N, C-alpha and C. Protein backbone atom coordinates (compact mmCIF):
# COMPACT_ATOMS: atom_id res chain seq x y z
N UNK A 1 75.73 67.57 132.68
CA UNK A 1 76.31 68.83 132.91
C UNK A 1 77.14 68.81 134.13
N UNK A 2 78.20 70.05 134.42
CA UNK A 2 78.89 69.99 135.37
C UNK A 2 78.47 70.55 136.78
N UNK A 3 78.15 70.10 137.73
CA UNK A 3 77.62 70.64 138.90
C UNK A 3 78.49 71.53 139.69
N UNK A 4 79.80 71.49 139.65
CA UNK A 4 80.46 72.18 140.31
C UNK A 4 81.01 73.33 139.75
N UNK A 5 80.19 74.22 138.56
CA UNK A 5 80.37 75.45 138.11
C UNK A 5 80.90 75.27 136.96
N UNK A 6 81.08 76.74 136.25
CA UNK A 6 81.49 76.87 134.85
C UNK A 6 83.15 75.96 134.74
N UNK A 7 83.23 75.39 133.61
CA UNK A 7 84.41 74.91 133.15
C UNK A 7 85.60 76.12 132.88
N UNK A 8 86.54 75.71 132.84
CA UNK A 8 88.03 76.80 132.59
C UNK A 8 87.46 77.29 130.90
N UNK A 9 87.23 76.24 130.38
CA UNK A 9 87.07 76.37 128.64
C UNK A 9 86.15 77.43 128.58
N UNK A 10 84.79 77.22 129.29
CA UNK A 10 83.64 78.03 128.87
C UNK A 10 84.09 79.71 129.80
N UNK A 11 84.98 79.62 130.80
CA UNK A 11 85.34 80.89 131.23
C UNK A 11 86.35 81.57 130.12
N UNK A 12 87.17 80.94 129.69
CA UNK A 12 87.76 81.49 128.49
C UNK A 12 87.17 82.12 127.58
N UNK A 13 86.13 81.29 126.99
CA UNK A 13 85.41 82.04 125.77
C UNK A 13 84.64 83.24 126.49
N UNK A 14 84.32 82.91 127.52
CA UNK A 14 83.34 84.34 128.13
C UNK A 14 84.35 85.67 128.37
N UNK A 15 85.49 85.19 128.92
CA UNK A 15 86.54 86.20 128.81
C UNK A 15 86.78 86.76 127.56
N UNK A 16 87.25 86.01 126.57
CA UNK A 16 87.37 86.66 125.21
C UNK A 16 86.68 87.39 124.58
N UNK A 17 85.39 86.88 124.60
CA UNK A 17 84.00 87.58 124.37
C UNK A 17 83.90 88.98 125.06
N UNK A 18 84.14 88.82 126.21
CA UNK A 18 83.92 90.12 127.08
C UNK A 18 84.93 91.09 126.68
N UNK A 19 86.14 90.89 126.38
CA UNK A 19 87.51 91.51 125.97
C UNK A 19 87.10 92.26 124.70
N UNK A 20 86.39 91.34 123.67
CA UNK A 20 86.42 91.91 122.60
C UNK A 20 85.04 93.01 122.63
N UNK A 21 84.50 92.69 122.99
CA UNK A 21 82.95 93.79 123.51
C UNK A 21 83.58 94.95 124.22
N UNK A 22 84.36 94.71 124.98
CA UNK A 22 84.88 96.09 125.67
C UNK A 22 85.83 96.75 124.90
N UNK A 23 86.59 96.30 124.13
CA UNK A 23 87.50 96.93 123.05
C UNK A 23 86.66 97.72 122.04
N UNK A 24 85.82 97.00 121.50
CA UNK A 24 84.79 97.51 120.64
C UNK A 24 84.14 98.74 121.13
N UNK A 25 83.61 98.78 122.13
CA UNK A 25 82.71 99.88 122.81
C UNK A 25 83.65 101.04 122.95
N UNK A 26 84.92 100.74 123.32
CA UNK A 26 85.86 102.03 123.70
C UNK A 26 86.58 102.57 122.12
N UNK A 27 86.24 101.70 120.98
CA UNK A 27 87.09 102.09 119.55
C UNK A 27 86.56 103.55 119.37
N UNK A 28 85.45 104.14 119.76
CA UNK A 28 84.76 105.42 119.13
C UNK A 28 85.89 106.77 119.92
N UNK A 29 86.45 106.16 120.97
CA UNK A 29 87.31 107.41 121.64
C UNK A 29 88.65 107.54 120.65
N UNK A 30 89.34 106.56 120.38
CA UNK A 30 90.09 106.92 119.23
C UNK A 30 89.93 107.65 118.14
N UNK A 31 91.07 108.46 117.94
CA UNK A 31 90.65 109.64 116.78
C UNK A 31 91.19 108.66 115.46
N UNK A 32 90.56 109.23 114.23
CA UNK A 32 91.01 108.27 113.06
C UNK A 32 91.86 109.08 112.21
N UNK A 33 92.80 108.34 111.40
CA UNK A 33 93.60 109.42 110.64
C UNK A 33 93.87 108.42 109.44
N UNK A 34 93.23 108.32 108.31
CA UNK A 34 93.55 107.45 107.27
C UNK A 34 94.60 107.82 106.12
N UNK A 35 95.86 107.55 105.69
CA UNK A 35 96.65 107.64 105.00
C UNK A 35 95.86 107.05 103.67
N UNK A 36 95.99 107.95 102.62
CA UNK A 36 95.07 107.52 101.41
C UNK A 36 96.11 107.14 100.33
N UNK A 37 97.39 107.15 100.34
CA UNK A 37 98.56 107.00 99.36
C UNK A 37 98.46 105.82 99.14
N UNK A 38 97.46 104.75 98.97
CA UNK A 38 97.48 103.35 99.09
C UNK A 38 98.33 102.89 97.58
N UNK A 39 98.29 103.55 96.69
CA UNK A 39 98.80 103.00 95.36
C UNK A 39 99.86 103.65 95.35
N UNK A 40 100.72 104.40 96.12
CA UNK A 40 101.84 105.25 95.87
C UNK A 40 102.05 106.24 94.87
N UNK A 41 100.78 107.01 94.46
CA UNK A 41 100.98 107.93 93.38
C UNK A 41 101.63 109.20 93.77
N UNK A 42 101.86 109.40 95.05
CA UNK A 42 102.25 110.58 95.57
C UNK A 42 103.96 110.29 95.66
N UNK A 43 104.26 109.10 95.66
CA UNK A 43 105.69 108.96 95.87
C UNK A 43 106.81 109.75 95.17
N UNK A 44 106.37 110.10 93.98
CA UNK A 44 107.62 110.79 92.99
C UNK A 44 107.06 112.00 92.73
N UNK A 45 106.22 112.65 93.72
CA UNK A 45 105.58 114.00 93.69
C UNK A 45 107.19 114.95 93.95
N UNK A 46 107.17 115.93 93.01
CA UNK A 46 108.45 117.10 93.36
C UNK A 46 108.08 117.69 94.78
N UNK A 47 106.80 117.74 95.13
CA UNK A 47 106.50 118.56 96.47
C UNK A 47 106.80 117.42 97.53
N UNK A 48 106.94 116.24 97.31
CA UNK A 48 106.94 115.26 98.66
C UNK A 48 107.55 115.58 99.82
N UNK A 49 108.78 115.95 99.50
CA UNK A 49 109.75 116.48 100.76
C UNK A 49 109.11 117.52 101.57
N UNK A 50 108.87 118.45 100.62
CA UNK A 50 108.08 119.74 101.25
C UNK A 50 106.83 119.29 102.04
N UNK A 51 105.93 118.57 101.64
CA UNK A 51 104.82 118.05 102.31
C UNK A 51 105.19 117.37 103.56
N UNK A 52 106.12 116.45 103.66
CA UNK A 52 106.69 115.70 104.61
C UNK A 52 107.10 116.67 105.80
N UNK A 53 107.67 117.79 105.61
CA UNK A 53 108.17 118.60 106.52
C UNK A 53 107.56 119.88 106.76
N UNK A 54 106.20 119.89 106.15
CA UNK A 54 105.09 120.98 106.40
C UNK A 54 104.59 120.71 107.78
N UNK A 55 104.68 122.02 108.92
CA UNK A 55 104.18 121.66 110.09
C UNK A 55 103.47 123.22 110.25
N UNK A 56 102.63 122.79 111.47
CA UNK A 56 102.11 124.11 111.89
C UNK A 56 102.56 124.21 113.35
N UNK A 57 101.83 124.93 114.25
CA UNK A 57 102.00 125.14 115.49
C UNK A 57 101.64 124.06 116.26
N UNK A 58 100.80 122.96 115.39
CA UNK A 58 100.13 121.80 116.32
C UNK A 58 101.17 120.58 116.00
N UNK A 59 102.28 120.97 115.18
CA UNK A 59 103.08 119.63 114.77
C UNK A 59 102.90 119.41 113.48
N UNK A 60 103.81 118.41 112.82
CA UNK A 60 103.60 118.06 111.43
C UNK A 60 102.41 117.73 110.98
N UNK A 61 101.95 118.13 109.72
CA UNK A 61 101.12 118.21 109.03
C UNK A 61 101.19 116.64 108.22
N UNK A 62 102.02 115.65 108.12
CA UNK A 62 101.93 114.25 107.59
C UNK A 62 102.29 114.63 106.22
N UNK A 63 101.77 114.21 105.28
CA UNK A 63 101.70 114.51 103.91
C UNK A 63 100.79 114.73 103.24
N UNK A 64 101.10 115.16 101.81
CA UNK A 64 99.88 115.32 101.08
C UNK A 64 98.93 114.25 100.79
N UNK A 65 99.13 113.18 100.79
CA UNK A 65 98.16 112.11 101.04
C UNK A 65 97.22 112.08 102.10
N UNK A 66 97.89 112.59 103.26
CA UNK A 66 97.03 112.94 104.36
C UNK A 66 95.98 113.91 104.35
N UNK A 67 96.43 114.84 103.88
CA UNK A 67 95.57 116.26 103.81
C UNK A 67 94.55 116.07 102.79
N UNK A 68 93.60 117.09 103.17
CA UNK A 68 92.29 116.98 102.03
C UNK A 68 92.56 118.46 101.40
N UNK A 69 92.39 118.46 99.85
CA UNK A 69 92.22 119.91 99.23
C UNK A 69 90.95 120.26 99.36
N UNK A 70 90.76 121.50 99.40
CA UNK A 70 89.35 122.08 99.64
C UNK A 70 88.98 123.12 98.27
N UNK A 71 88.01 123.00 97.94
CA UNK A 71 87.48 123.91 97.07
C UNK A 71 87.30 125.16 97.66
N UNK A 72 87.24 126.37 96.52
CA UNK A 72 87.04 127.92 97.22
C UNK A 72 85.80 127.73 98.02
N UNK A 73 84.91 127.13 97.77
CA UNK A 73 83.56 127.35 98.61
C UNK A 73 83.39 126.45 100.09
N UNK A 74 84.67 125.72 100.28
CA UNK A 74 84.49 125.01 101.29
C UNK A 74 85.83 125.51 102.44
N UNK A 75 86.09 126.84 102.11
CA UNK A 75 86.76 127.80 103.14
C UNK A 75 86.60 129.03 103.16
N UNK A 76 86.70 129.75 104.12
CA UNK A 76 86.58 131.30 104.11
C UNK A 76 87.06 131.78 105.33
N UNK A 77 86.91 133.01 105.44
CA UNK A 77 87.34 133.69 106.89
C UNK A 77 86.07 134.41 107.34
N UNK A 78 86.11 134.05 108.86
CA UNK A 78 84.69 135.10 109.35
C UNK A 78 85.16 135.33 110.81
N UNK A 79 85.11 136.65 111.05
CA UNK A 79 85.61 137.57 112.19
C UNK A 79 86.94 137.18 112.37
N UNK A 80 87.75 137.33 111.20
CA UNK A 80 89.16 137.37 111.25
C UNK A 80 89.78 135.65 111.38
N UNK A 81 89.03 134.97 111.19
CA UNK A 81 89.67 133.20 111.60
C UNK A 81 89.17 132.54 110.34
N UNK A 82 89.97 131.68 110.12
CA UNK A 82 89.89 130.67 108.76
C UNK A 82 88.83 129.78 109.21
N UNK A 83 87.90 129.38 108.41
CA UNK A 83 86.85 128.23 108.63
C UNK A 83 86.94 127.54 107.43
N UNK A 84 86.57 125.87 107.69
CA UNK A 84 86.58 125.00 106.76
C UNK A 84 85.19 124.40 106.77
N UNK A 85 84.69 123.95 105.77
CA UNK A 85 83.42 123.00 105.61
C UNK A 85 83.96 121.56 105.22
N UNK A 86 83.45 120.53 106.40
CA UNK A 86 84.19 119.28 106.31
C UNK A 86 82.73 118.56 106.68
N UNK A 87 82.42 117.45 105.80
CA UNK A 87 81.00 116.90 105.99
C UNK A 87 79.93 117.87 106.37
N UNK A 88 79.82 118.80 105.41
CA UNK A 88 78.61 119.60 105.47
C UNK A 88 78.61 120.66 106.83
N UNK A 89 79.60 120.67 107.70
CA UNK A 89 79.77 121.41 108.77
C UNK A 89 80.93 122.56 108.64
N UNK A 90 80.56 123.69 109.38
CA UNK A 90 81.60 124.55 109.36
C UNK A 90 82.57 124.44 110.76
N UNK A 91 83.90 124.51 110.43
CA UNK A 91 84.76 124.40 111.70
C UNK A 91 85.78 125.32 111.85
N UNK A 92 86.00 126.03 112.75
CA UNK A 92 86.86 127.03 112.91
C UNK A 92 88.27 126.47 113.07
N UNK A 93 89.10 127.08 112.26
CA UNK A 93 90.45 126.72 112.28
C UNK A 93 91.19 127.38 113.52
N UNK A 94 92.00 126.61 114.31
CA UNK A 94 92.41 127.28 115.63
C UNK A 94 93.98 127.91 114.78
N UNK A 95 94.29 129.08 115.35
CA UNK A 95 95.41 129.88 115.00
C UNK A 95 96.53 129.15 114.72
N UNK A 96 96.93 128.26 115.86
CA UNK A 96 98.20 127.58 115.77
C UNK A 96 98.17 126.52 114.76
N UNK A 97 96.91 126.28 114.03
CA UNK A 97 96.94 125.14 113.13
C UNK A 97 97.35 126.01 111.81
N UNK A 98 97.37 127.05 111.60
CA UNK A 98 97.63 127.73 110.20
C UNK A 98 98.82 127.85 109.76
N UNK A 99 99.23 126.98 108.59
CA UNK A 99 100.62 126.84 108.40
C UNK A 99 101.06 128.25 107.80
N UNK A 100 102.03 129.19 107.94
CA UNK A 100 102.53 130.20 107.75
C UNK A 100 103.40 130.50 106.51
N UNK A 101 104.21 129.32 106.41
CA UNK A 101 104.92 129.16 105.14
C UNK A 101 104.15 129.50 103.99
N UNK A 102 105.03 129.98 102.80
CA UNK A 102 104.24 129.85 101.45
C UNK A 102 103.57 128.71 101.03
N UNK A 103 102.53 128.78 100.40
CA UNK A 103 102.08 127.58 99.58
C UNK A 103 102.38 127.20 98.49
N UNK A 104 103.16 126.18 98.38
CA UNK A 104 104.21 125.93 97.33
C UNK A 104 103.13 124.83 96.08
N UNK A 105 102.12 124.40 96.90
CA UNK A 105 101.04 123.52 96.23
C UNK A 105 100.15 124.18 95.45
N UNK A 106 99.87 125.58 96.16
CA UNK A 106 98.92 126.35 95.35
C UNK A 106 97.26 126.07 95.98
N UNK A 107 97.00 125.00 96.17
CA UNK A 107 95.94 124.69 96.74
C UNK A 107 95.48 124.99 97.98
N UNK A 108 94.39 125.07 98.59
CA UNK A 108 94.14 125.12 99.80
C UNK A 108 94.06 123.75 100.45
N UNK A 109 94.71 123.20 101.57
CA UNK A 109 94.54 122.07 102.22
C UNK A 109 94.23 122.15 103.76
N UNK A 110 93.71 121.32 104.06
CA UNK A 110 93.58 120.99 105.80
C UNK A 110 93.69 119.55 106.07
N UNK A 111 94.33 119.34 107.23
CA UNK A 111 94.59 117.92 107.86
C UNK A 111 93.85 117.94 108.72
N UNK A 112 92.48 117.28 108.69
CA UNK A 112 91.57 117.35 109.76
C UNK A 112 91.94 115.86 110.77
N UNK A 113 91.32 115.82 111.85
CA UNK A 113 91.61 114.56 112.74
C UNK A 113 90.28 114.57 113.27
N UNK A 114 89.41 113.17 112.93
CA UNK A 114 88.19 112.93 113.19
C UNK A 114 87.92 112.31 114.26
N UNK A 115 86.85 112.93 115.21
CA UNK A 115 86.42 111.92 116.33
C UNK A 115 85.18 111.83 116.20
N UNK A 116 84.82 110.41 116.18
CA UNK A 116 83.24 109.99 116.08
C UNK A 116 83.08 109.40 117.38
N UNK A 117 81.72 109.94 118.20
CA UNK A 117 81.75 109.75 119.49
C UNK A 117 80.33 109.16 119.88
N UNK A 118 79.96 108.44 120.39
CA UNK A 118 78.57 107.93 120.27
C UNK A 118 77.42 109.06 120.71
N UNK A 119 77.85 109.73 121.95
CA UNK A 119 76.84 110.38 122.37
C UNK A 119 76.74 112.02 121.66
N UNK A 120 78.04 112.30 121.07
CA UNK A 120 78.07 113.87 120.87
C UNK A 120 78.32 113.78 119.30
N UNK A 121 78.52 112.87 118.47
CA UNK A 121 78.28 112.78 117.24
C UNK A 121 79.79 113.26 116.68
N UNK A 122 79.86 113.81 115.60
CA UNK A 122 81.27 114.14 114.84
C UNK A 122 81.72 115.36 115.36
N UNK A 123 83.20 115.33 115.61
CA UNK A 123 83.85 116.41 116.12
C UNK A 123 85.20 116.54 115.32
N UNK A 124 85.70 117.71 114.64
CA UNK A 124 87.02 117.61 114.04
C UNK A 124 87.77 118.46 114.68
N UNK A 125 89.11 118.27 114.96
CA UNK A 125 90.22 118.96 115.30
C UNK A 125 91.22 119.11 113.94
N UNK A 126 91.21 120.55 113.60
CA UNK A 126 92.20 120.71 112.62
C UNK A 126 93.75 120.69 112.99
N UNK A 127 94.47 119.90 112.62
CA UNK A 127 96.13 119.68 112.76
C UNK A 127 96.63 120.83 112.20
N UNK A 128 96.39 121.17 110.68
CA UNK A 128 97.00 122.06 110.00
C UNK A 128 96.17 122.47 108.91
N UNK A 129 96.27 123.75 108.38
CA UNK A 129 95.56 124.24 107.59
C UNK A 129 96.44 125.13 106.76
N UNK A 130 96.29 124.82 105.34
CA UNK A 130 96.98 125.56 104.51
C UNK A 130 96.42 126.55 103.57
N UNK A 131 96.23 127.82 103.63
CA UNK A 131 95.56 128.64 102.74
C UNK A 131 96.09 128.59 101.60
N UNK A 132 94.94 128.63 100.59
CA UNK A 132 95.45 128.91 99.11
C UNK A 132 94.99 130.30 98.98
N UNK A 133 94.83 130.56 97.43
CA UNK A 133 94.30 131.88 97.12
C UNK A 133 92.94 131.56 96.42
N UNK A 134 91.75 132.42 97.06
CA UNK A 134 90.42 132.51 96.77
C UNK A 134 90.40 133.00 95.20
N UNK A 135 90.18 132.16 94.21
CA UNK A 135 90.11 132.55 92.81
C UNK A 135 88.80 132.51 92.16
């Protein structure tokens, strides 16, 4: 055993482990957005270009693969504001997130940004909301 203190090798291992733990503990602060077009099924969609240019007052909505289609029971209006139900909870859609151009896709869609925090749980920020027709 070395009586002069820890070796540089053991300090490197401890430093690398501390860095990994530190990065993992901060990962809950980073919003997640997962593109789901892994198999390329939307690549030849006639609406692909329209979806790529689609934007709200909060910026570009991304594409059809990044949005989530909602059934009629998962969106409504309350007190003059749109709401969406995601993961069993109702979320108010900010006015600036509502896409105002005509819905060429026909179905109601939402582009949520998920924040999962250790102490407060799930928070969803709606980037874009494309209302459909409630039928």
